[in-house]
Amino acid sequence: MPFERGPYLTTAVFCEQVLQEASGVLSLIRIVDRMNVTASGPHSPEEMPPQKLGWTLVITLKSGDARGSHPVKIVPQRPSGETMPPITLSVHLEGDNKGANLVAKMDMQVEMPGIYWFNIYVDDYLITRVPFELIYSRIVTPGLPKPPSPGER
């Protein structure tokens, strides 16, 4: 059975900022698993406009008996179920009970609200799935009528 003796997943979370000391110790700032996107105004769109979001995914592993370099693949999945291009990293494990930290900046263009899943594989074995929920809120406020588009005049 893969991973029966390592590596072991310690952490897999999204956060806004990561501080890493010279000793390798991490401080995770503002751990998040959902984000609200709001559009307000007299002509706020009914559907969420595309958003550029910058998250940081932190994955920490303990080696157990695993040693050497191992590929780590992150496969994002849209709320529709469609997978996005994978992000591939590498982790070096030293065995025993030593840990390894992966800090991946996830700058992404998102087009729809819902739950985005991030499937995390080590050596092509799924070790966990991390959800991130995007919520779209529309607030229509009174204002001037929407001007006609050039073709409507």
C-alpha atoms as a PDB file:
ATOM      1  CA  MET A   1       0.000   0.000   0.000  1.00  0.00           C
ATOM      2  CA  PRO A   2       1.542   3.367  -1.007  1.00  0.00           C
ATOM      3  CA  PHE A   3       2.411   5.750   1.809  1.00  0.00           C
ATOM      4  CA  GLU A   4       1.980   3.107   4.474  1.00  0.00           C
ATOM      5  CA  ARG A   5       5.439   4.066   5.701  1.00  0.00           C
ATOM      6  CA  GLY A   6       5.660   7.610   4.363  1.00  0.00           C
ATOM      7  CA  PRO A   7       5.617  10.271   3.297  1.00  0.00           C
ATOM      8  CA  TYR A   8       2.822  11.516   5.541  1.00  0.00           C
ATOM      9  CA  LEU A   9       0.747  14.608   4.913  1.00  0.00           C
ATOM     10  CA  THR A  10       0.949  17.093   7.780  1.00  0.00           C
ATOM     11  CA  THR A  11      -0.669  20.191   6.273  1.00  0.00           C
ATOM     12  CA  ALA A  12      -2.460  21.218   3.092  1.00  0.00           C
ATOM     13  CA  VAL A  13      -4.045  24.681   3.357  1.00  0.00           C
ATOM     14  CA  PHE A  14      -4.508  27.937   1.493  1.00  0.00           C
ATOM     15  CA  CYS A  15      -3.355  31.152   3.097  1.00  0.00           C
ATOM     16  CA  GLU A  16      -2.779  34.744   2.113  1.00  0.00           C
ATOM     17  CA  GLN A  17       0.853  34.946   3.188  1.00  0.00           C
ATOM     18  CA  VAL A  18       3.661  32.653   4.309  1.00  0.00           C
ATOM     19  CA  LEU A  19       6.658  33.722   6.355  1.00  0.00           C
ATOM     20  CA  GLN A  20       9.613  31.345   6.352  1.00  0.00           C
ATOM     21  CA  GLU A  21      12.423  31.697   8.865  1.00  0.00           C
ATOM     22  CA  ALA A  22      16.009  30.777   8.041  1.00  0.00           C
ATOM     23  CA  SER A  23      15.504  27.599  10.100  1.00  0.00           C
ATOM     24  CA  GLY A  24      12.687  26.554   7.732  1.00  0.00           C
ATOM     25  CA  VAL A  25       9.886  27.153  10.247  1.00  0.00           C
ATOM     26  CA  LEU A  26       6.730  28.485   8.563  1.00  0.00           C
ATOM     27  CA  SER A  27       4.194  31.005   9.808  1.00  0.00           C
ATOM     28  CA  LEU A  28       0.928  30.834   7.891  1.00  0.00           C
ATOM     29  CA  ILE A  29      -0.951  34.136   7.816  1.00  0.00           C
ATOM     30  CA  ARG A  30      -4.732  34.191   7.272  1.00  0.00           C
ATOM     31  CA  ILE A  31      -5.581  30.579   6.478  1.00  0.00           C
ATOM     32  CA  VAL A  32      -8.580  30.668   4.144  1.00  0.00           C
ATOM     33  CA  ASP A  33     -10.877  28.174   2.462  1.00  0.00           C
ATOM     34  CA  ARG A  34     -13.443  30.546   0.979  1.00  0.00           C
ATOM     35  CA  MET A  35     -13.513  33.992  -0.566  1.00  0.00           C
ATOM     36  CA  ASN A  36     -16.333  36.417  -1.310  1.00  0.00           C
ATOM     37  CA  VAL A  37     -16.280  38.344  -4.575  1.00  0.00           C
ATOM     38  CA  THR A  38     -18.736  41.243  -4.622  1.00  0.00           C
ATOM     39  CA  ALA A  39     -19.905  43.425  -7.477  1.00  0.00           C
ATOM     40  CA  SER A  40     -21.974  46.462  -6.597  1.00  0.00           C
ATOM     41  CA  GLY A  41     -23.416  49.355  -8.503  1.00  0.00           C
ATOM     42  CA  PRO A  42     -26.372  50.165 -10.691  1.00  0.00           C
ATOM     43  CA  HIS A  43     -25.153  47.834 -13.445  1.00  0.00           C
ATOM     44  CA  SER A  44     -23.404  45.054 -11.549  1.00  0.00           C
ATOM     45  CA  PRO A  45     -23.230  41.908 -13.688  1.00  0.00           C
ATOM     46  CA  GLU A  46     -25.559  38.997 -13.007  1.00  0.00           C
ATOM     47  CA  GLU A  47     -22.718  36.522 -13.505  1.00  0.00           C
ATOM     48  CA  MET A  48     -19.372  36.785 -11.778  1.00  0.00           C
ATOM     49  CA  PRO A  49     -16.807  38.515 -13.981  1.00  0.00           C
ATOM     50  CA  PRO A  50     -13.481  36.658 -14.331  1.00  0.00           C
ATOM     51  CA  GLN A  51     -11.221  37.206 -11.342  1.00  0.00           C
ATOM     52  CA  LYS A  52      -7.452  36.976 -10.957  1.00  0.00           C
ATOM     53  CA  LEU A  53      -6.840  35.462  -7.543  1.00  0.00           C
ATOM     54  CA  GLY A  54      -3.536  34.969  -5.778  1.00  0.00           C
ATOM     55  CA  TRP A  55      -3.561  32.243  -3.154  1.00  0.00           C
ATOM     56  CA  THR A  56      -0.702  30.390  -1.576  1.00  0.00           C
ATOM     57  CA  LEU A  57      -1.035  26.647  -1.091  1.00  0.00           C
ATOM     58  CA  VAL A  58       1.122  25.221   1.670  1.00  0.00           C
ATOM     59  CA  ILE A  59       1.802  21.493   1.772  1.00  0.00           C
ATOM     60  CA  THR A  60       3.933  19.988   4.513  1.00  0.00           C
ATOM     61  CA  LEU A  61       5.061  16.374   4.557  1.00  0.00           C
ATOM     62  CA  LYS A  62       6.893  14.152   7.023  1.00  0.00           C
ATOM     63  CA  SER A  63       9.260  11.698   5.388  1.00  0.00           C
ATOM     64  CA  GLY A  64       8.650   8.546   7.376  1.00  0.00           C
ATOM     65  CA  ASP A  65      10.679   5.960   5.445  1.00  0.00           C
ATOM     66  CA  ALA A  66      10.434   7.879   2.146  1.00  0.00           C
ATOM     67  CA  ARG A  67      13.729   9.187   0.820  1.00  0.00           C
ATOM     68  CA  GLY A  68      14.904  11.098  -2.216  1.00  0.00           C
ATOM     69  CA  SER A  69      13.184  13.320  -4.722  1.00  0.00           C
ATOM     70  CA  HIS A  70       9.462  12.829  -5.355  1.00  0.00           C
ATOM     71  CA  PRO A  71       7.138  14.617  -7.793  1.00  0.00           C
ATOM     72  CA  VAL A  72       4.203  16.492  -6.274  1.00  0.00           C
ATOM     73  CA  LYS A  73       1.380  17.328  -8.668  1.00  0.00           C
ATOM     74  CA  ILE A  74      -1.455  19.751  -7.896  1.00  0.00           C
ATOM     75  CA  VAL A  75      -4.465  19.361 -10.181  1.00  0.00           C
ATOM     76  CA  PRO A  76      -7.065  22.143  -9.824  1.00  0.00           C
ATOM     77  CA  GLN A  77     -10.668  21.262 -10.636  1.00  0.00           C
ATOM     78  CA  ARG A  78     -13.342  23.850 -11.460  1.00  0.00           C
ATOM     79  CA  PRO A  79     -16.822  23.708  -9.860  1.00  0.00           C
ATOM     80  CA  SER A  80     -18.017  22.283 -13.200  1.00  0.00           C
ATOM     81  CA  GLY A  81     -15.740  19.271 -12.670  1.00  0.00           C
ATOM     82  CA  GLU A  82     -13.372  20.278 -15.468  1.00  0.00           C
ATOM     83  CA  THR A  83      -9.714  19.905 -14.538  1.00  0.00           C
ATOM     84  CA  MET A  84      -7.257  22.708 -15.107  1.00  0.00           C
ATOM     85  CA  PRO A  85      -3.592  22.306 -16.112  1.00  0.00           C
ATOM     86  CA  PRO A  86      -1.574  20.675 -13.316  1.00  0.00           C
ATOM     87  CA  ILE A  87       1.200  22.343 -11.365  1.00  0.00           C
ATOM     88  CA  THR A  88       4.153  20.027 -10.847  1.00  0.00           C
ATOM     89  CA  LEU A  89       6.705  20.496  -8.082  1.00  0.00           C
ATOM     90  CA  SER A  90       9.372  18.314  -6.556  1.00  0.00           C
ATOM     91  CA  VAL A  91      10.063  17.545  -2.924  1.00  0.00           C
ATOM     92  CA  HIS A  92      13.222  16.079  -1.439  1.00  0.00           C
ATOM     93  CA  LEU A  93      12.617  13.770   1.516  1.00  0.00           C
ATOM     94  CA  GLU A  94      15.424  12.813   3.877  1.00  0.00           C
ATOM     95  CA  GLY A  95      13.783   9.913   5.694  1.00  0.00           C
ATOM     96  CA  ASP A  96      13.336   9.423   9.438  1.00  0.00           C
ATOM     97  CA  ASN A  97      10.900  11.997  10.791  1.00  0.00           C
ATOM     98  CA  LYS A  98      12.232  14.976   8.860  1.00  0.00           C
ATOM     99  CA  GLY A  99       9.751  17.289   7.205  1.00  0.00           C
ATOM    100  CA  ALA A 100       9.540  19.087   3.904  1.00  0.00           C
ATOM    101  CA  ASN A 101       7.598  22.253   3.103  1.00  0.00           C
ATOM    102  CA  LEU A 102       6.130  23.122  -0.268  1.00  0.00           C
ATOM    103  CA  VAL A 103       4.879  26.680  -0.748  1.00  0.00           C
ATOM    104  CA  ALA A 104       3.116  27.136  -4.090  1.00  0.00           C
ATOM    105  CA  LYS A 105       1.807  30.498  -5.276  1.00  0.00           C
ATOM    106  CA  MET A 106      -1.474  29.764  -7.043  1.00  0.00           C
ATOM    107  CA  ASP A 107      -2.143  32.798  -9.250  1.00  0.00           C
ATOM    108  CA  MET A 108      -5.253  31.750 -11.137  1.00  0.00           C
ATOM    109  CA  GLN A 109      -7.918  33.147 -13.392  1.00  0.00           C
ATOM    110  CA  VAL A 110     -11.337  31.959 -12.204  1.00  0.00           C
ATOM    111  CA  GLU A 111     -14.568  32.390 -14.149  1.00  0.00           C
ATOM    112  CA  MET A 112     -17.293  30.942 -11.931  1.00  0.00           C
ATOM    113  CA  PRO A 113     -18.331  30.764  -8.292  1.00  0.00           C
ATOM    114  CA  GLY A 114     -18.441  27.436  -6.487  1.00  0.00           C
ATOM    115  CA  ILE A 115     -16.039  24.976  -4.922  1.00  0.00           C
ATOM    116  CA  TYR A 116     -12.671  24.536  -6.578  1.00  0.00           C
ATOM    117  CA  TRP A 117     -10.892  21.322  -5.604  1.00  0.00           C
ATOM    118  CA  PHE A 118      -7.126  20.972  -5.587  1.00  0.00           C
ATOM    119  CA  ASN A 119      -6.118  17.322  -5.894  1.00  0.00           C
ATOM    120  CA  ILE A 120      -2.628  16.708  -4.538  1.00  0.00           C
ATOM    121  CA  TYR A 121      -0.584  13.742  -5.719  1.00  0.00           C
ATOM    122  CA  VAL A 122       2.799  12.450  -4.580  1.00  0.00           C
ATOM    123  CA  ASP A 123       4.366   9.886  -6.926  1.00  0.00           C
ATOM    124  CA  ASP A 124       1.036   9.835  -8.835  1.00  0.00           C
ATOM    125  CA  TYR A 125      -0.915   8.754  -5.713  1.00  0.00           C
ATOM    126  CA  LEU A 126      -3.683  11.048  -4.510  1.00  0.00           C
ATOM    127  CA  ILE A 127      -2.824  12.033  -0.934  1.00  0.00           C
ATOM    128  CA  THR A 128      -5.521  14.672  -0.323  1.00  0.00           C
ATOM    129  CA  ARG A 129      -8.004  17.087  -1.855  1.00  0.00           C
ATOM    130  CA  VAL A 130      -8.205  20.697  -0.675  1.00  0.00           C
ATOM    131  CA  PRO A 131     -11.408  22.679  -1.324  1.00  0.00           C
ATOM    132  CA  PHE A 132     -11.591  26.411  -1.913  1.00  0.00           C
ATOM    133  CA  GLU A 133     -15.026  28.016  -2.206  1.00  0.00           C
ATOM    134  CA  LEU A 134     -15.599  31.155  -4.246  1.00  0.00           C
ATOM    135  CA  ILE A 135     -18.844  33.013  -3.504  1.00  0.00           C
ATOM    136  CA  TYR A 136     -20.219  35.721  -5.801  1.00  0.00           C
ATOM    137  CA  SER A 137     -22.507  38.401  -4.374  1.00  0.00           C
ATOM    138  CA  ARG A 138     -24.238  40.955  -6.550  1.00  0.00           C
ATOM    139  CA  ILE A 139     -25.521  44.205  -5.074  1.00  0.00           C
ATOM    140  CA  VAL A 140     -27.578  46.410  -7.380  1.00  0.00           C
ATOM    141  CA  THR A 141     -27.735  50.005  -6.218  1.00  0.00           C
ATOM    142  CA  PRO A 142     -29.874  52.797  -7.651  1.00  0.00           C
ATOM    143  CA  GLY A 143     -28.190  54.971 -10.202  1.00  0.00           C
ATOM    144  CA  LEU A 144     -28.368  56.387 -13.676  1.00  0.00           C
ATOM    145  CA  PRO A 145     -29.869  54.190 -16.402  1.00  0.00           C
ATOM    146  CA  LYS A 146     -27.385  52.099 -18.331  1.00  0.00           C
ATOM    147  CA  PRO A 147     -26.299  53.917 -21.490  1.00  0.00           C
ATOM    148  CA  PRO A 148     -27.194  52.148 -24.746  1.00  0.00           C
ATOM    149  CA  SER A 149     -24.484  50.201 -26.453  1.00  0.00           C
ATOM    150  CA  PRO A 150     -23.238  51.548 -29.821  1.00  0.00           C
ATOM    151  CA  GLY A 151     -25.447  49.088 -31.762  1.00  0.00           C
ATOM    152  CA  GLU A 152     -28.608  50.131 -29.856  1.00  0.00           C
ATOM    153  CA  ARG A 153     -28.550  53.832 -30.752  1.00  0.00           C
END
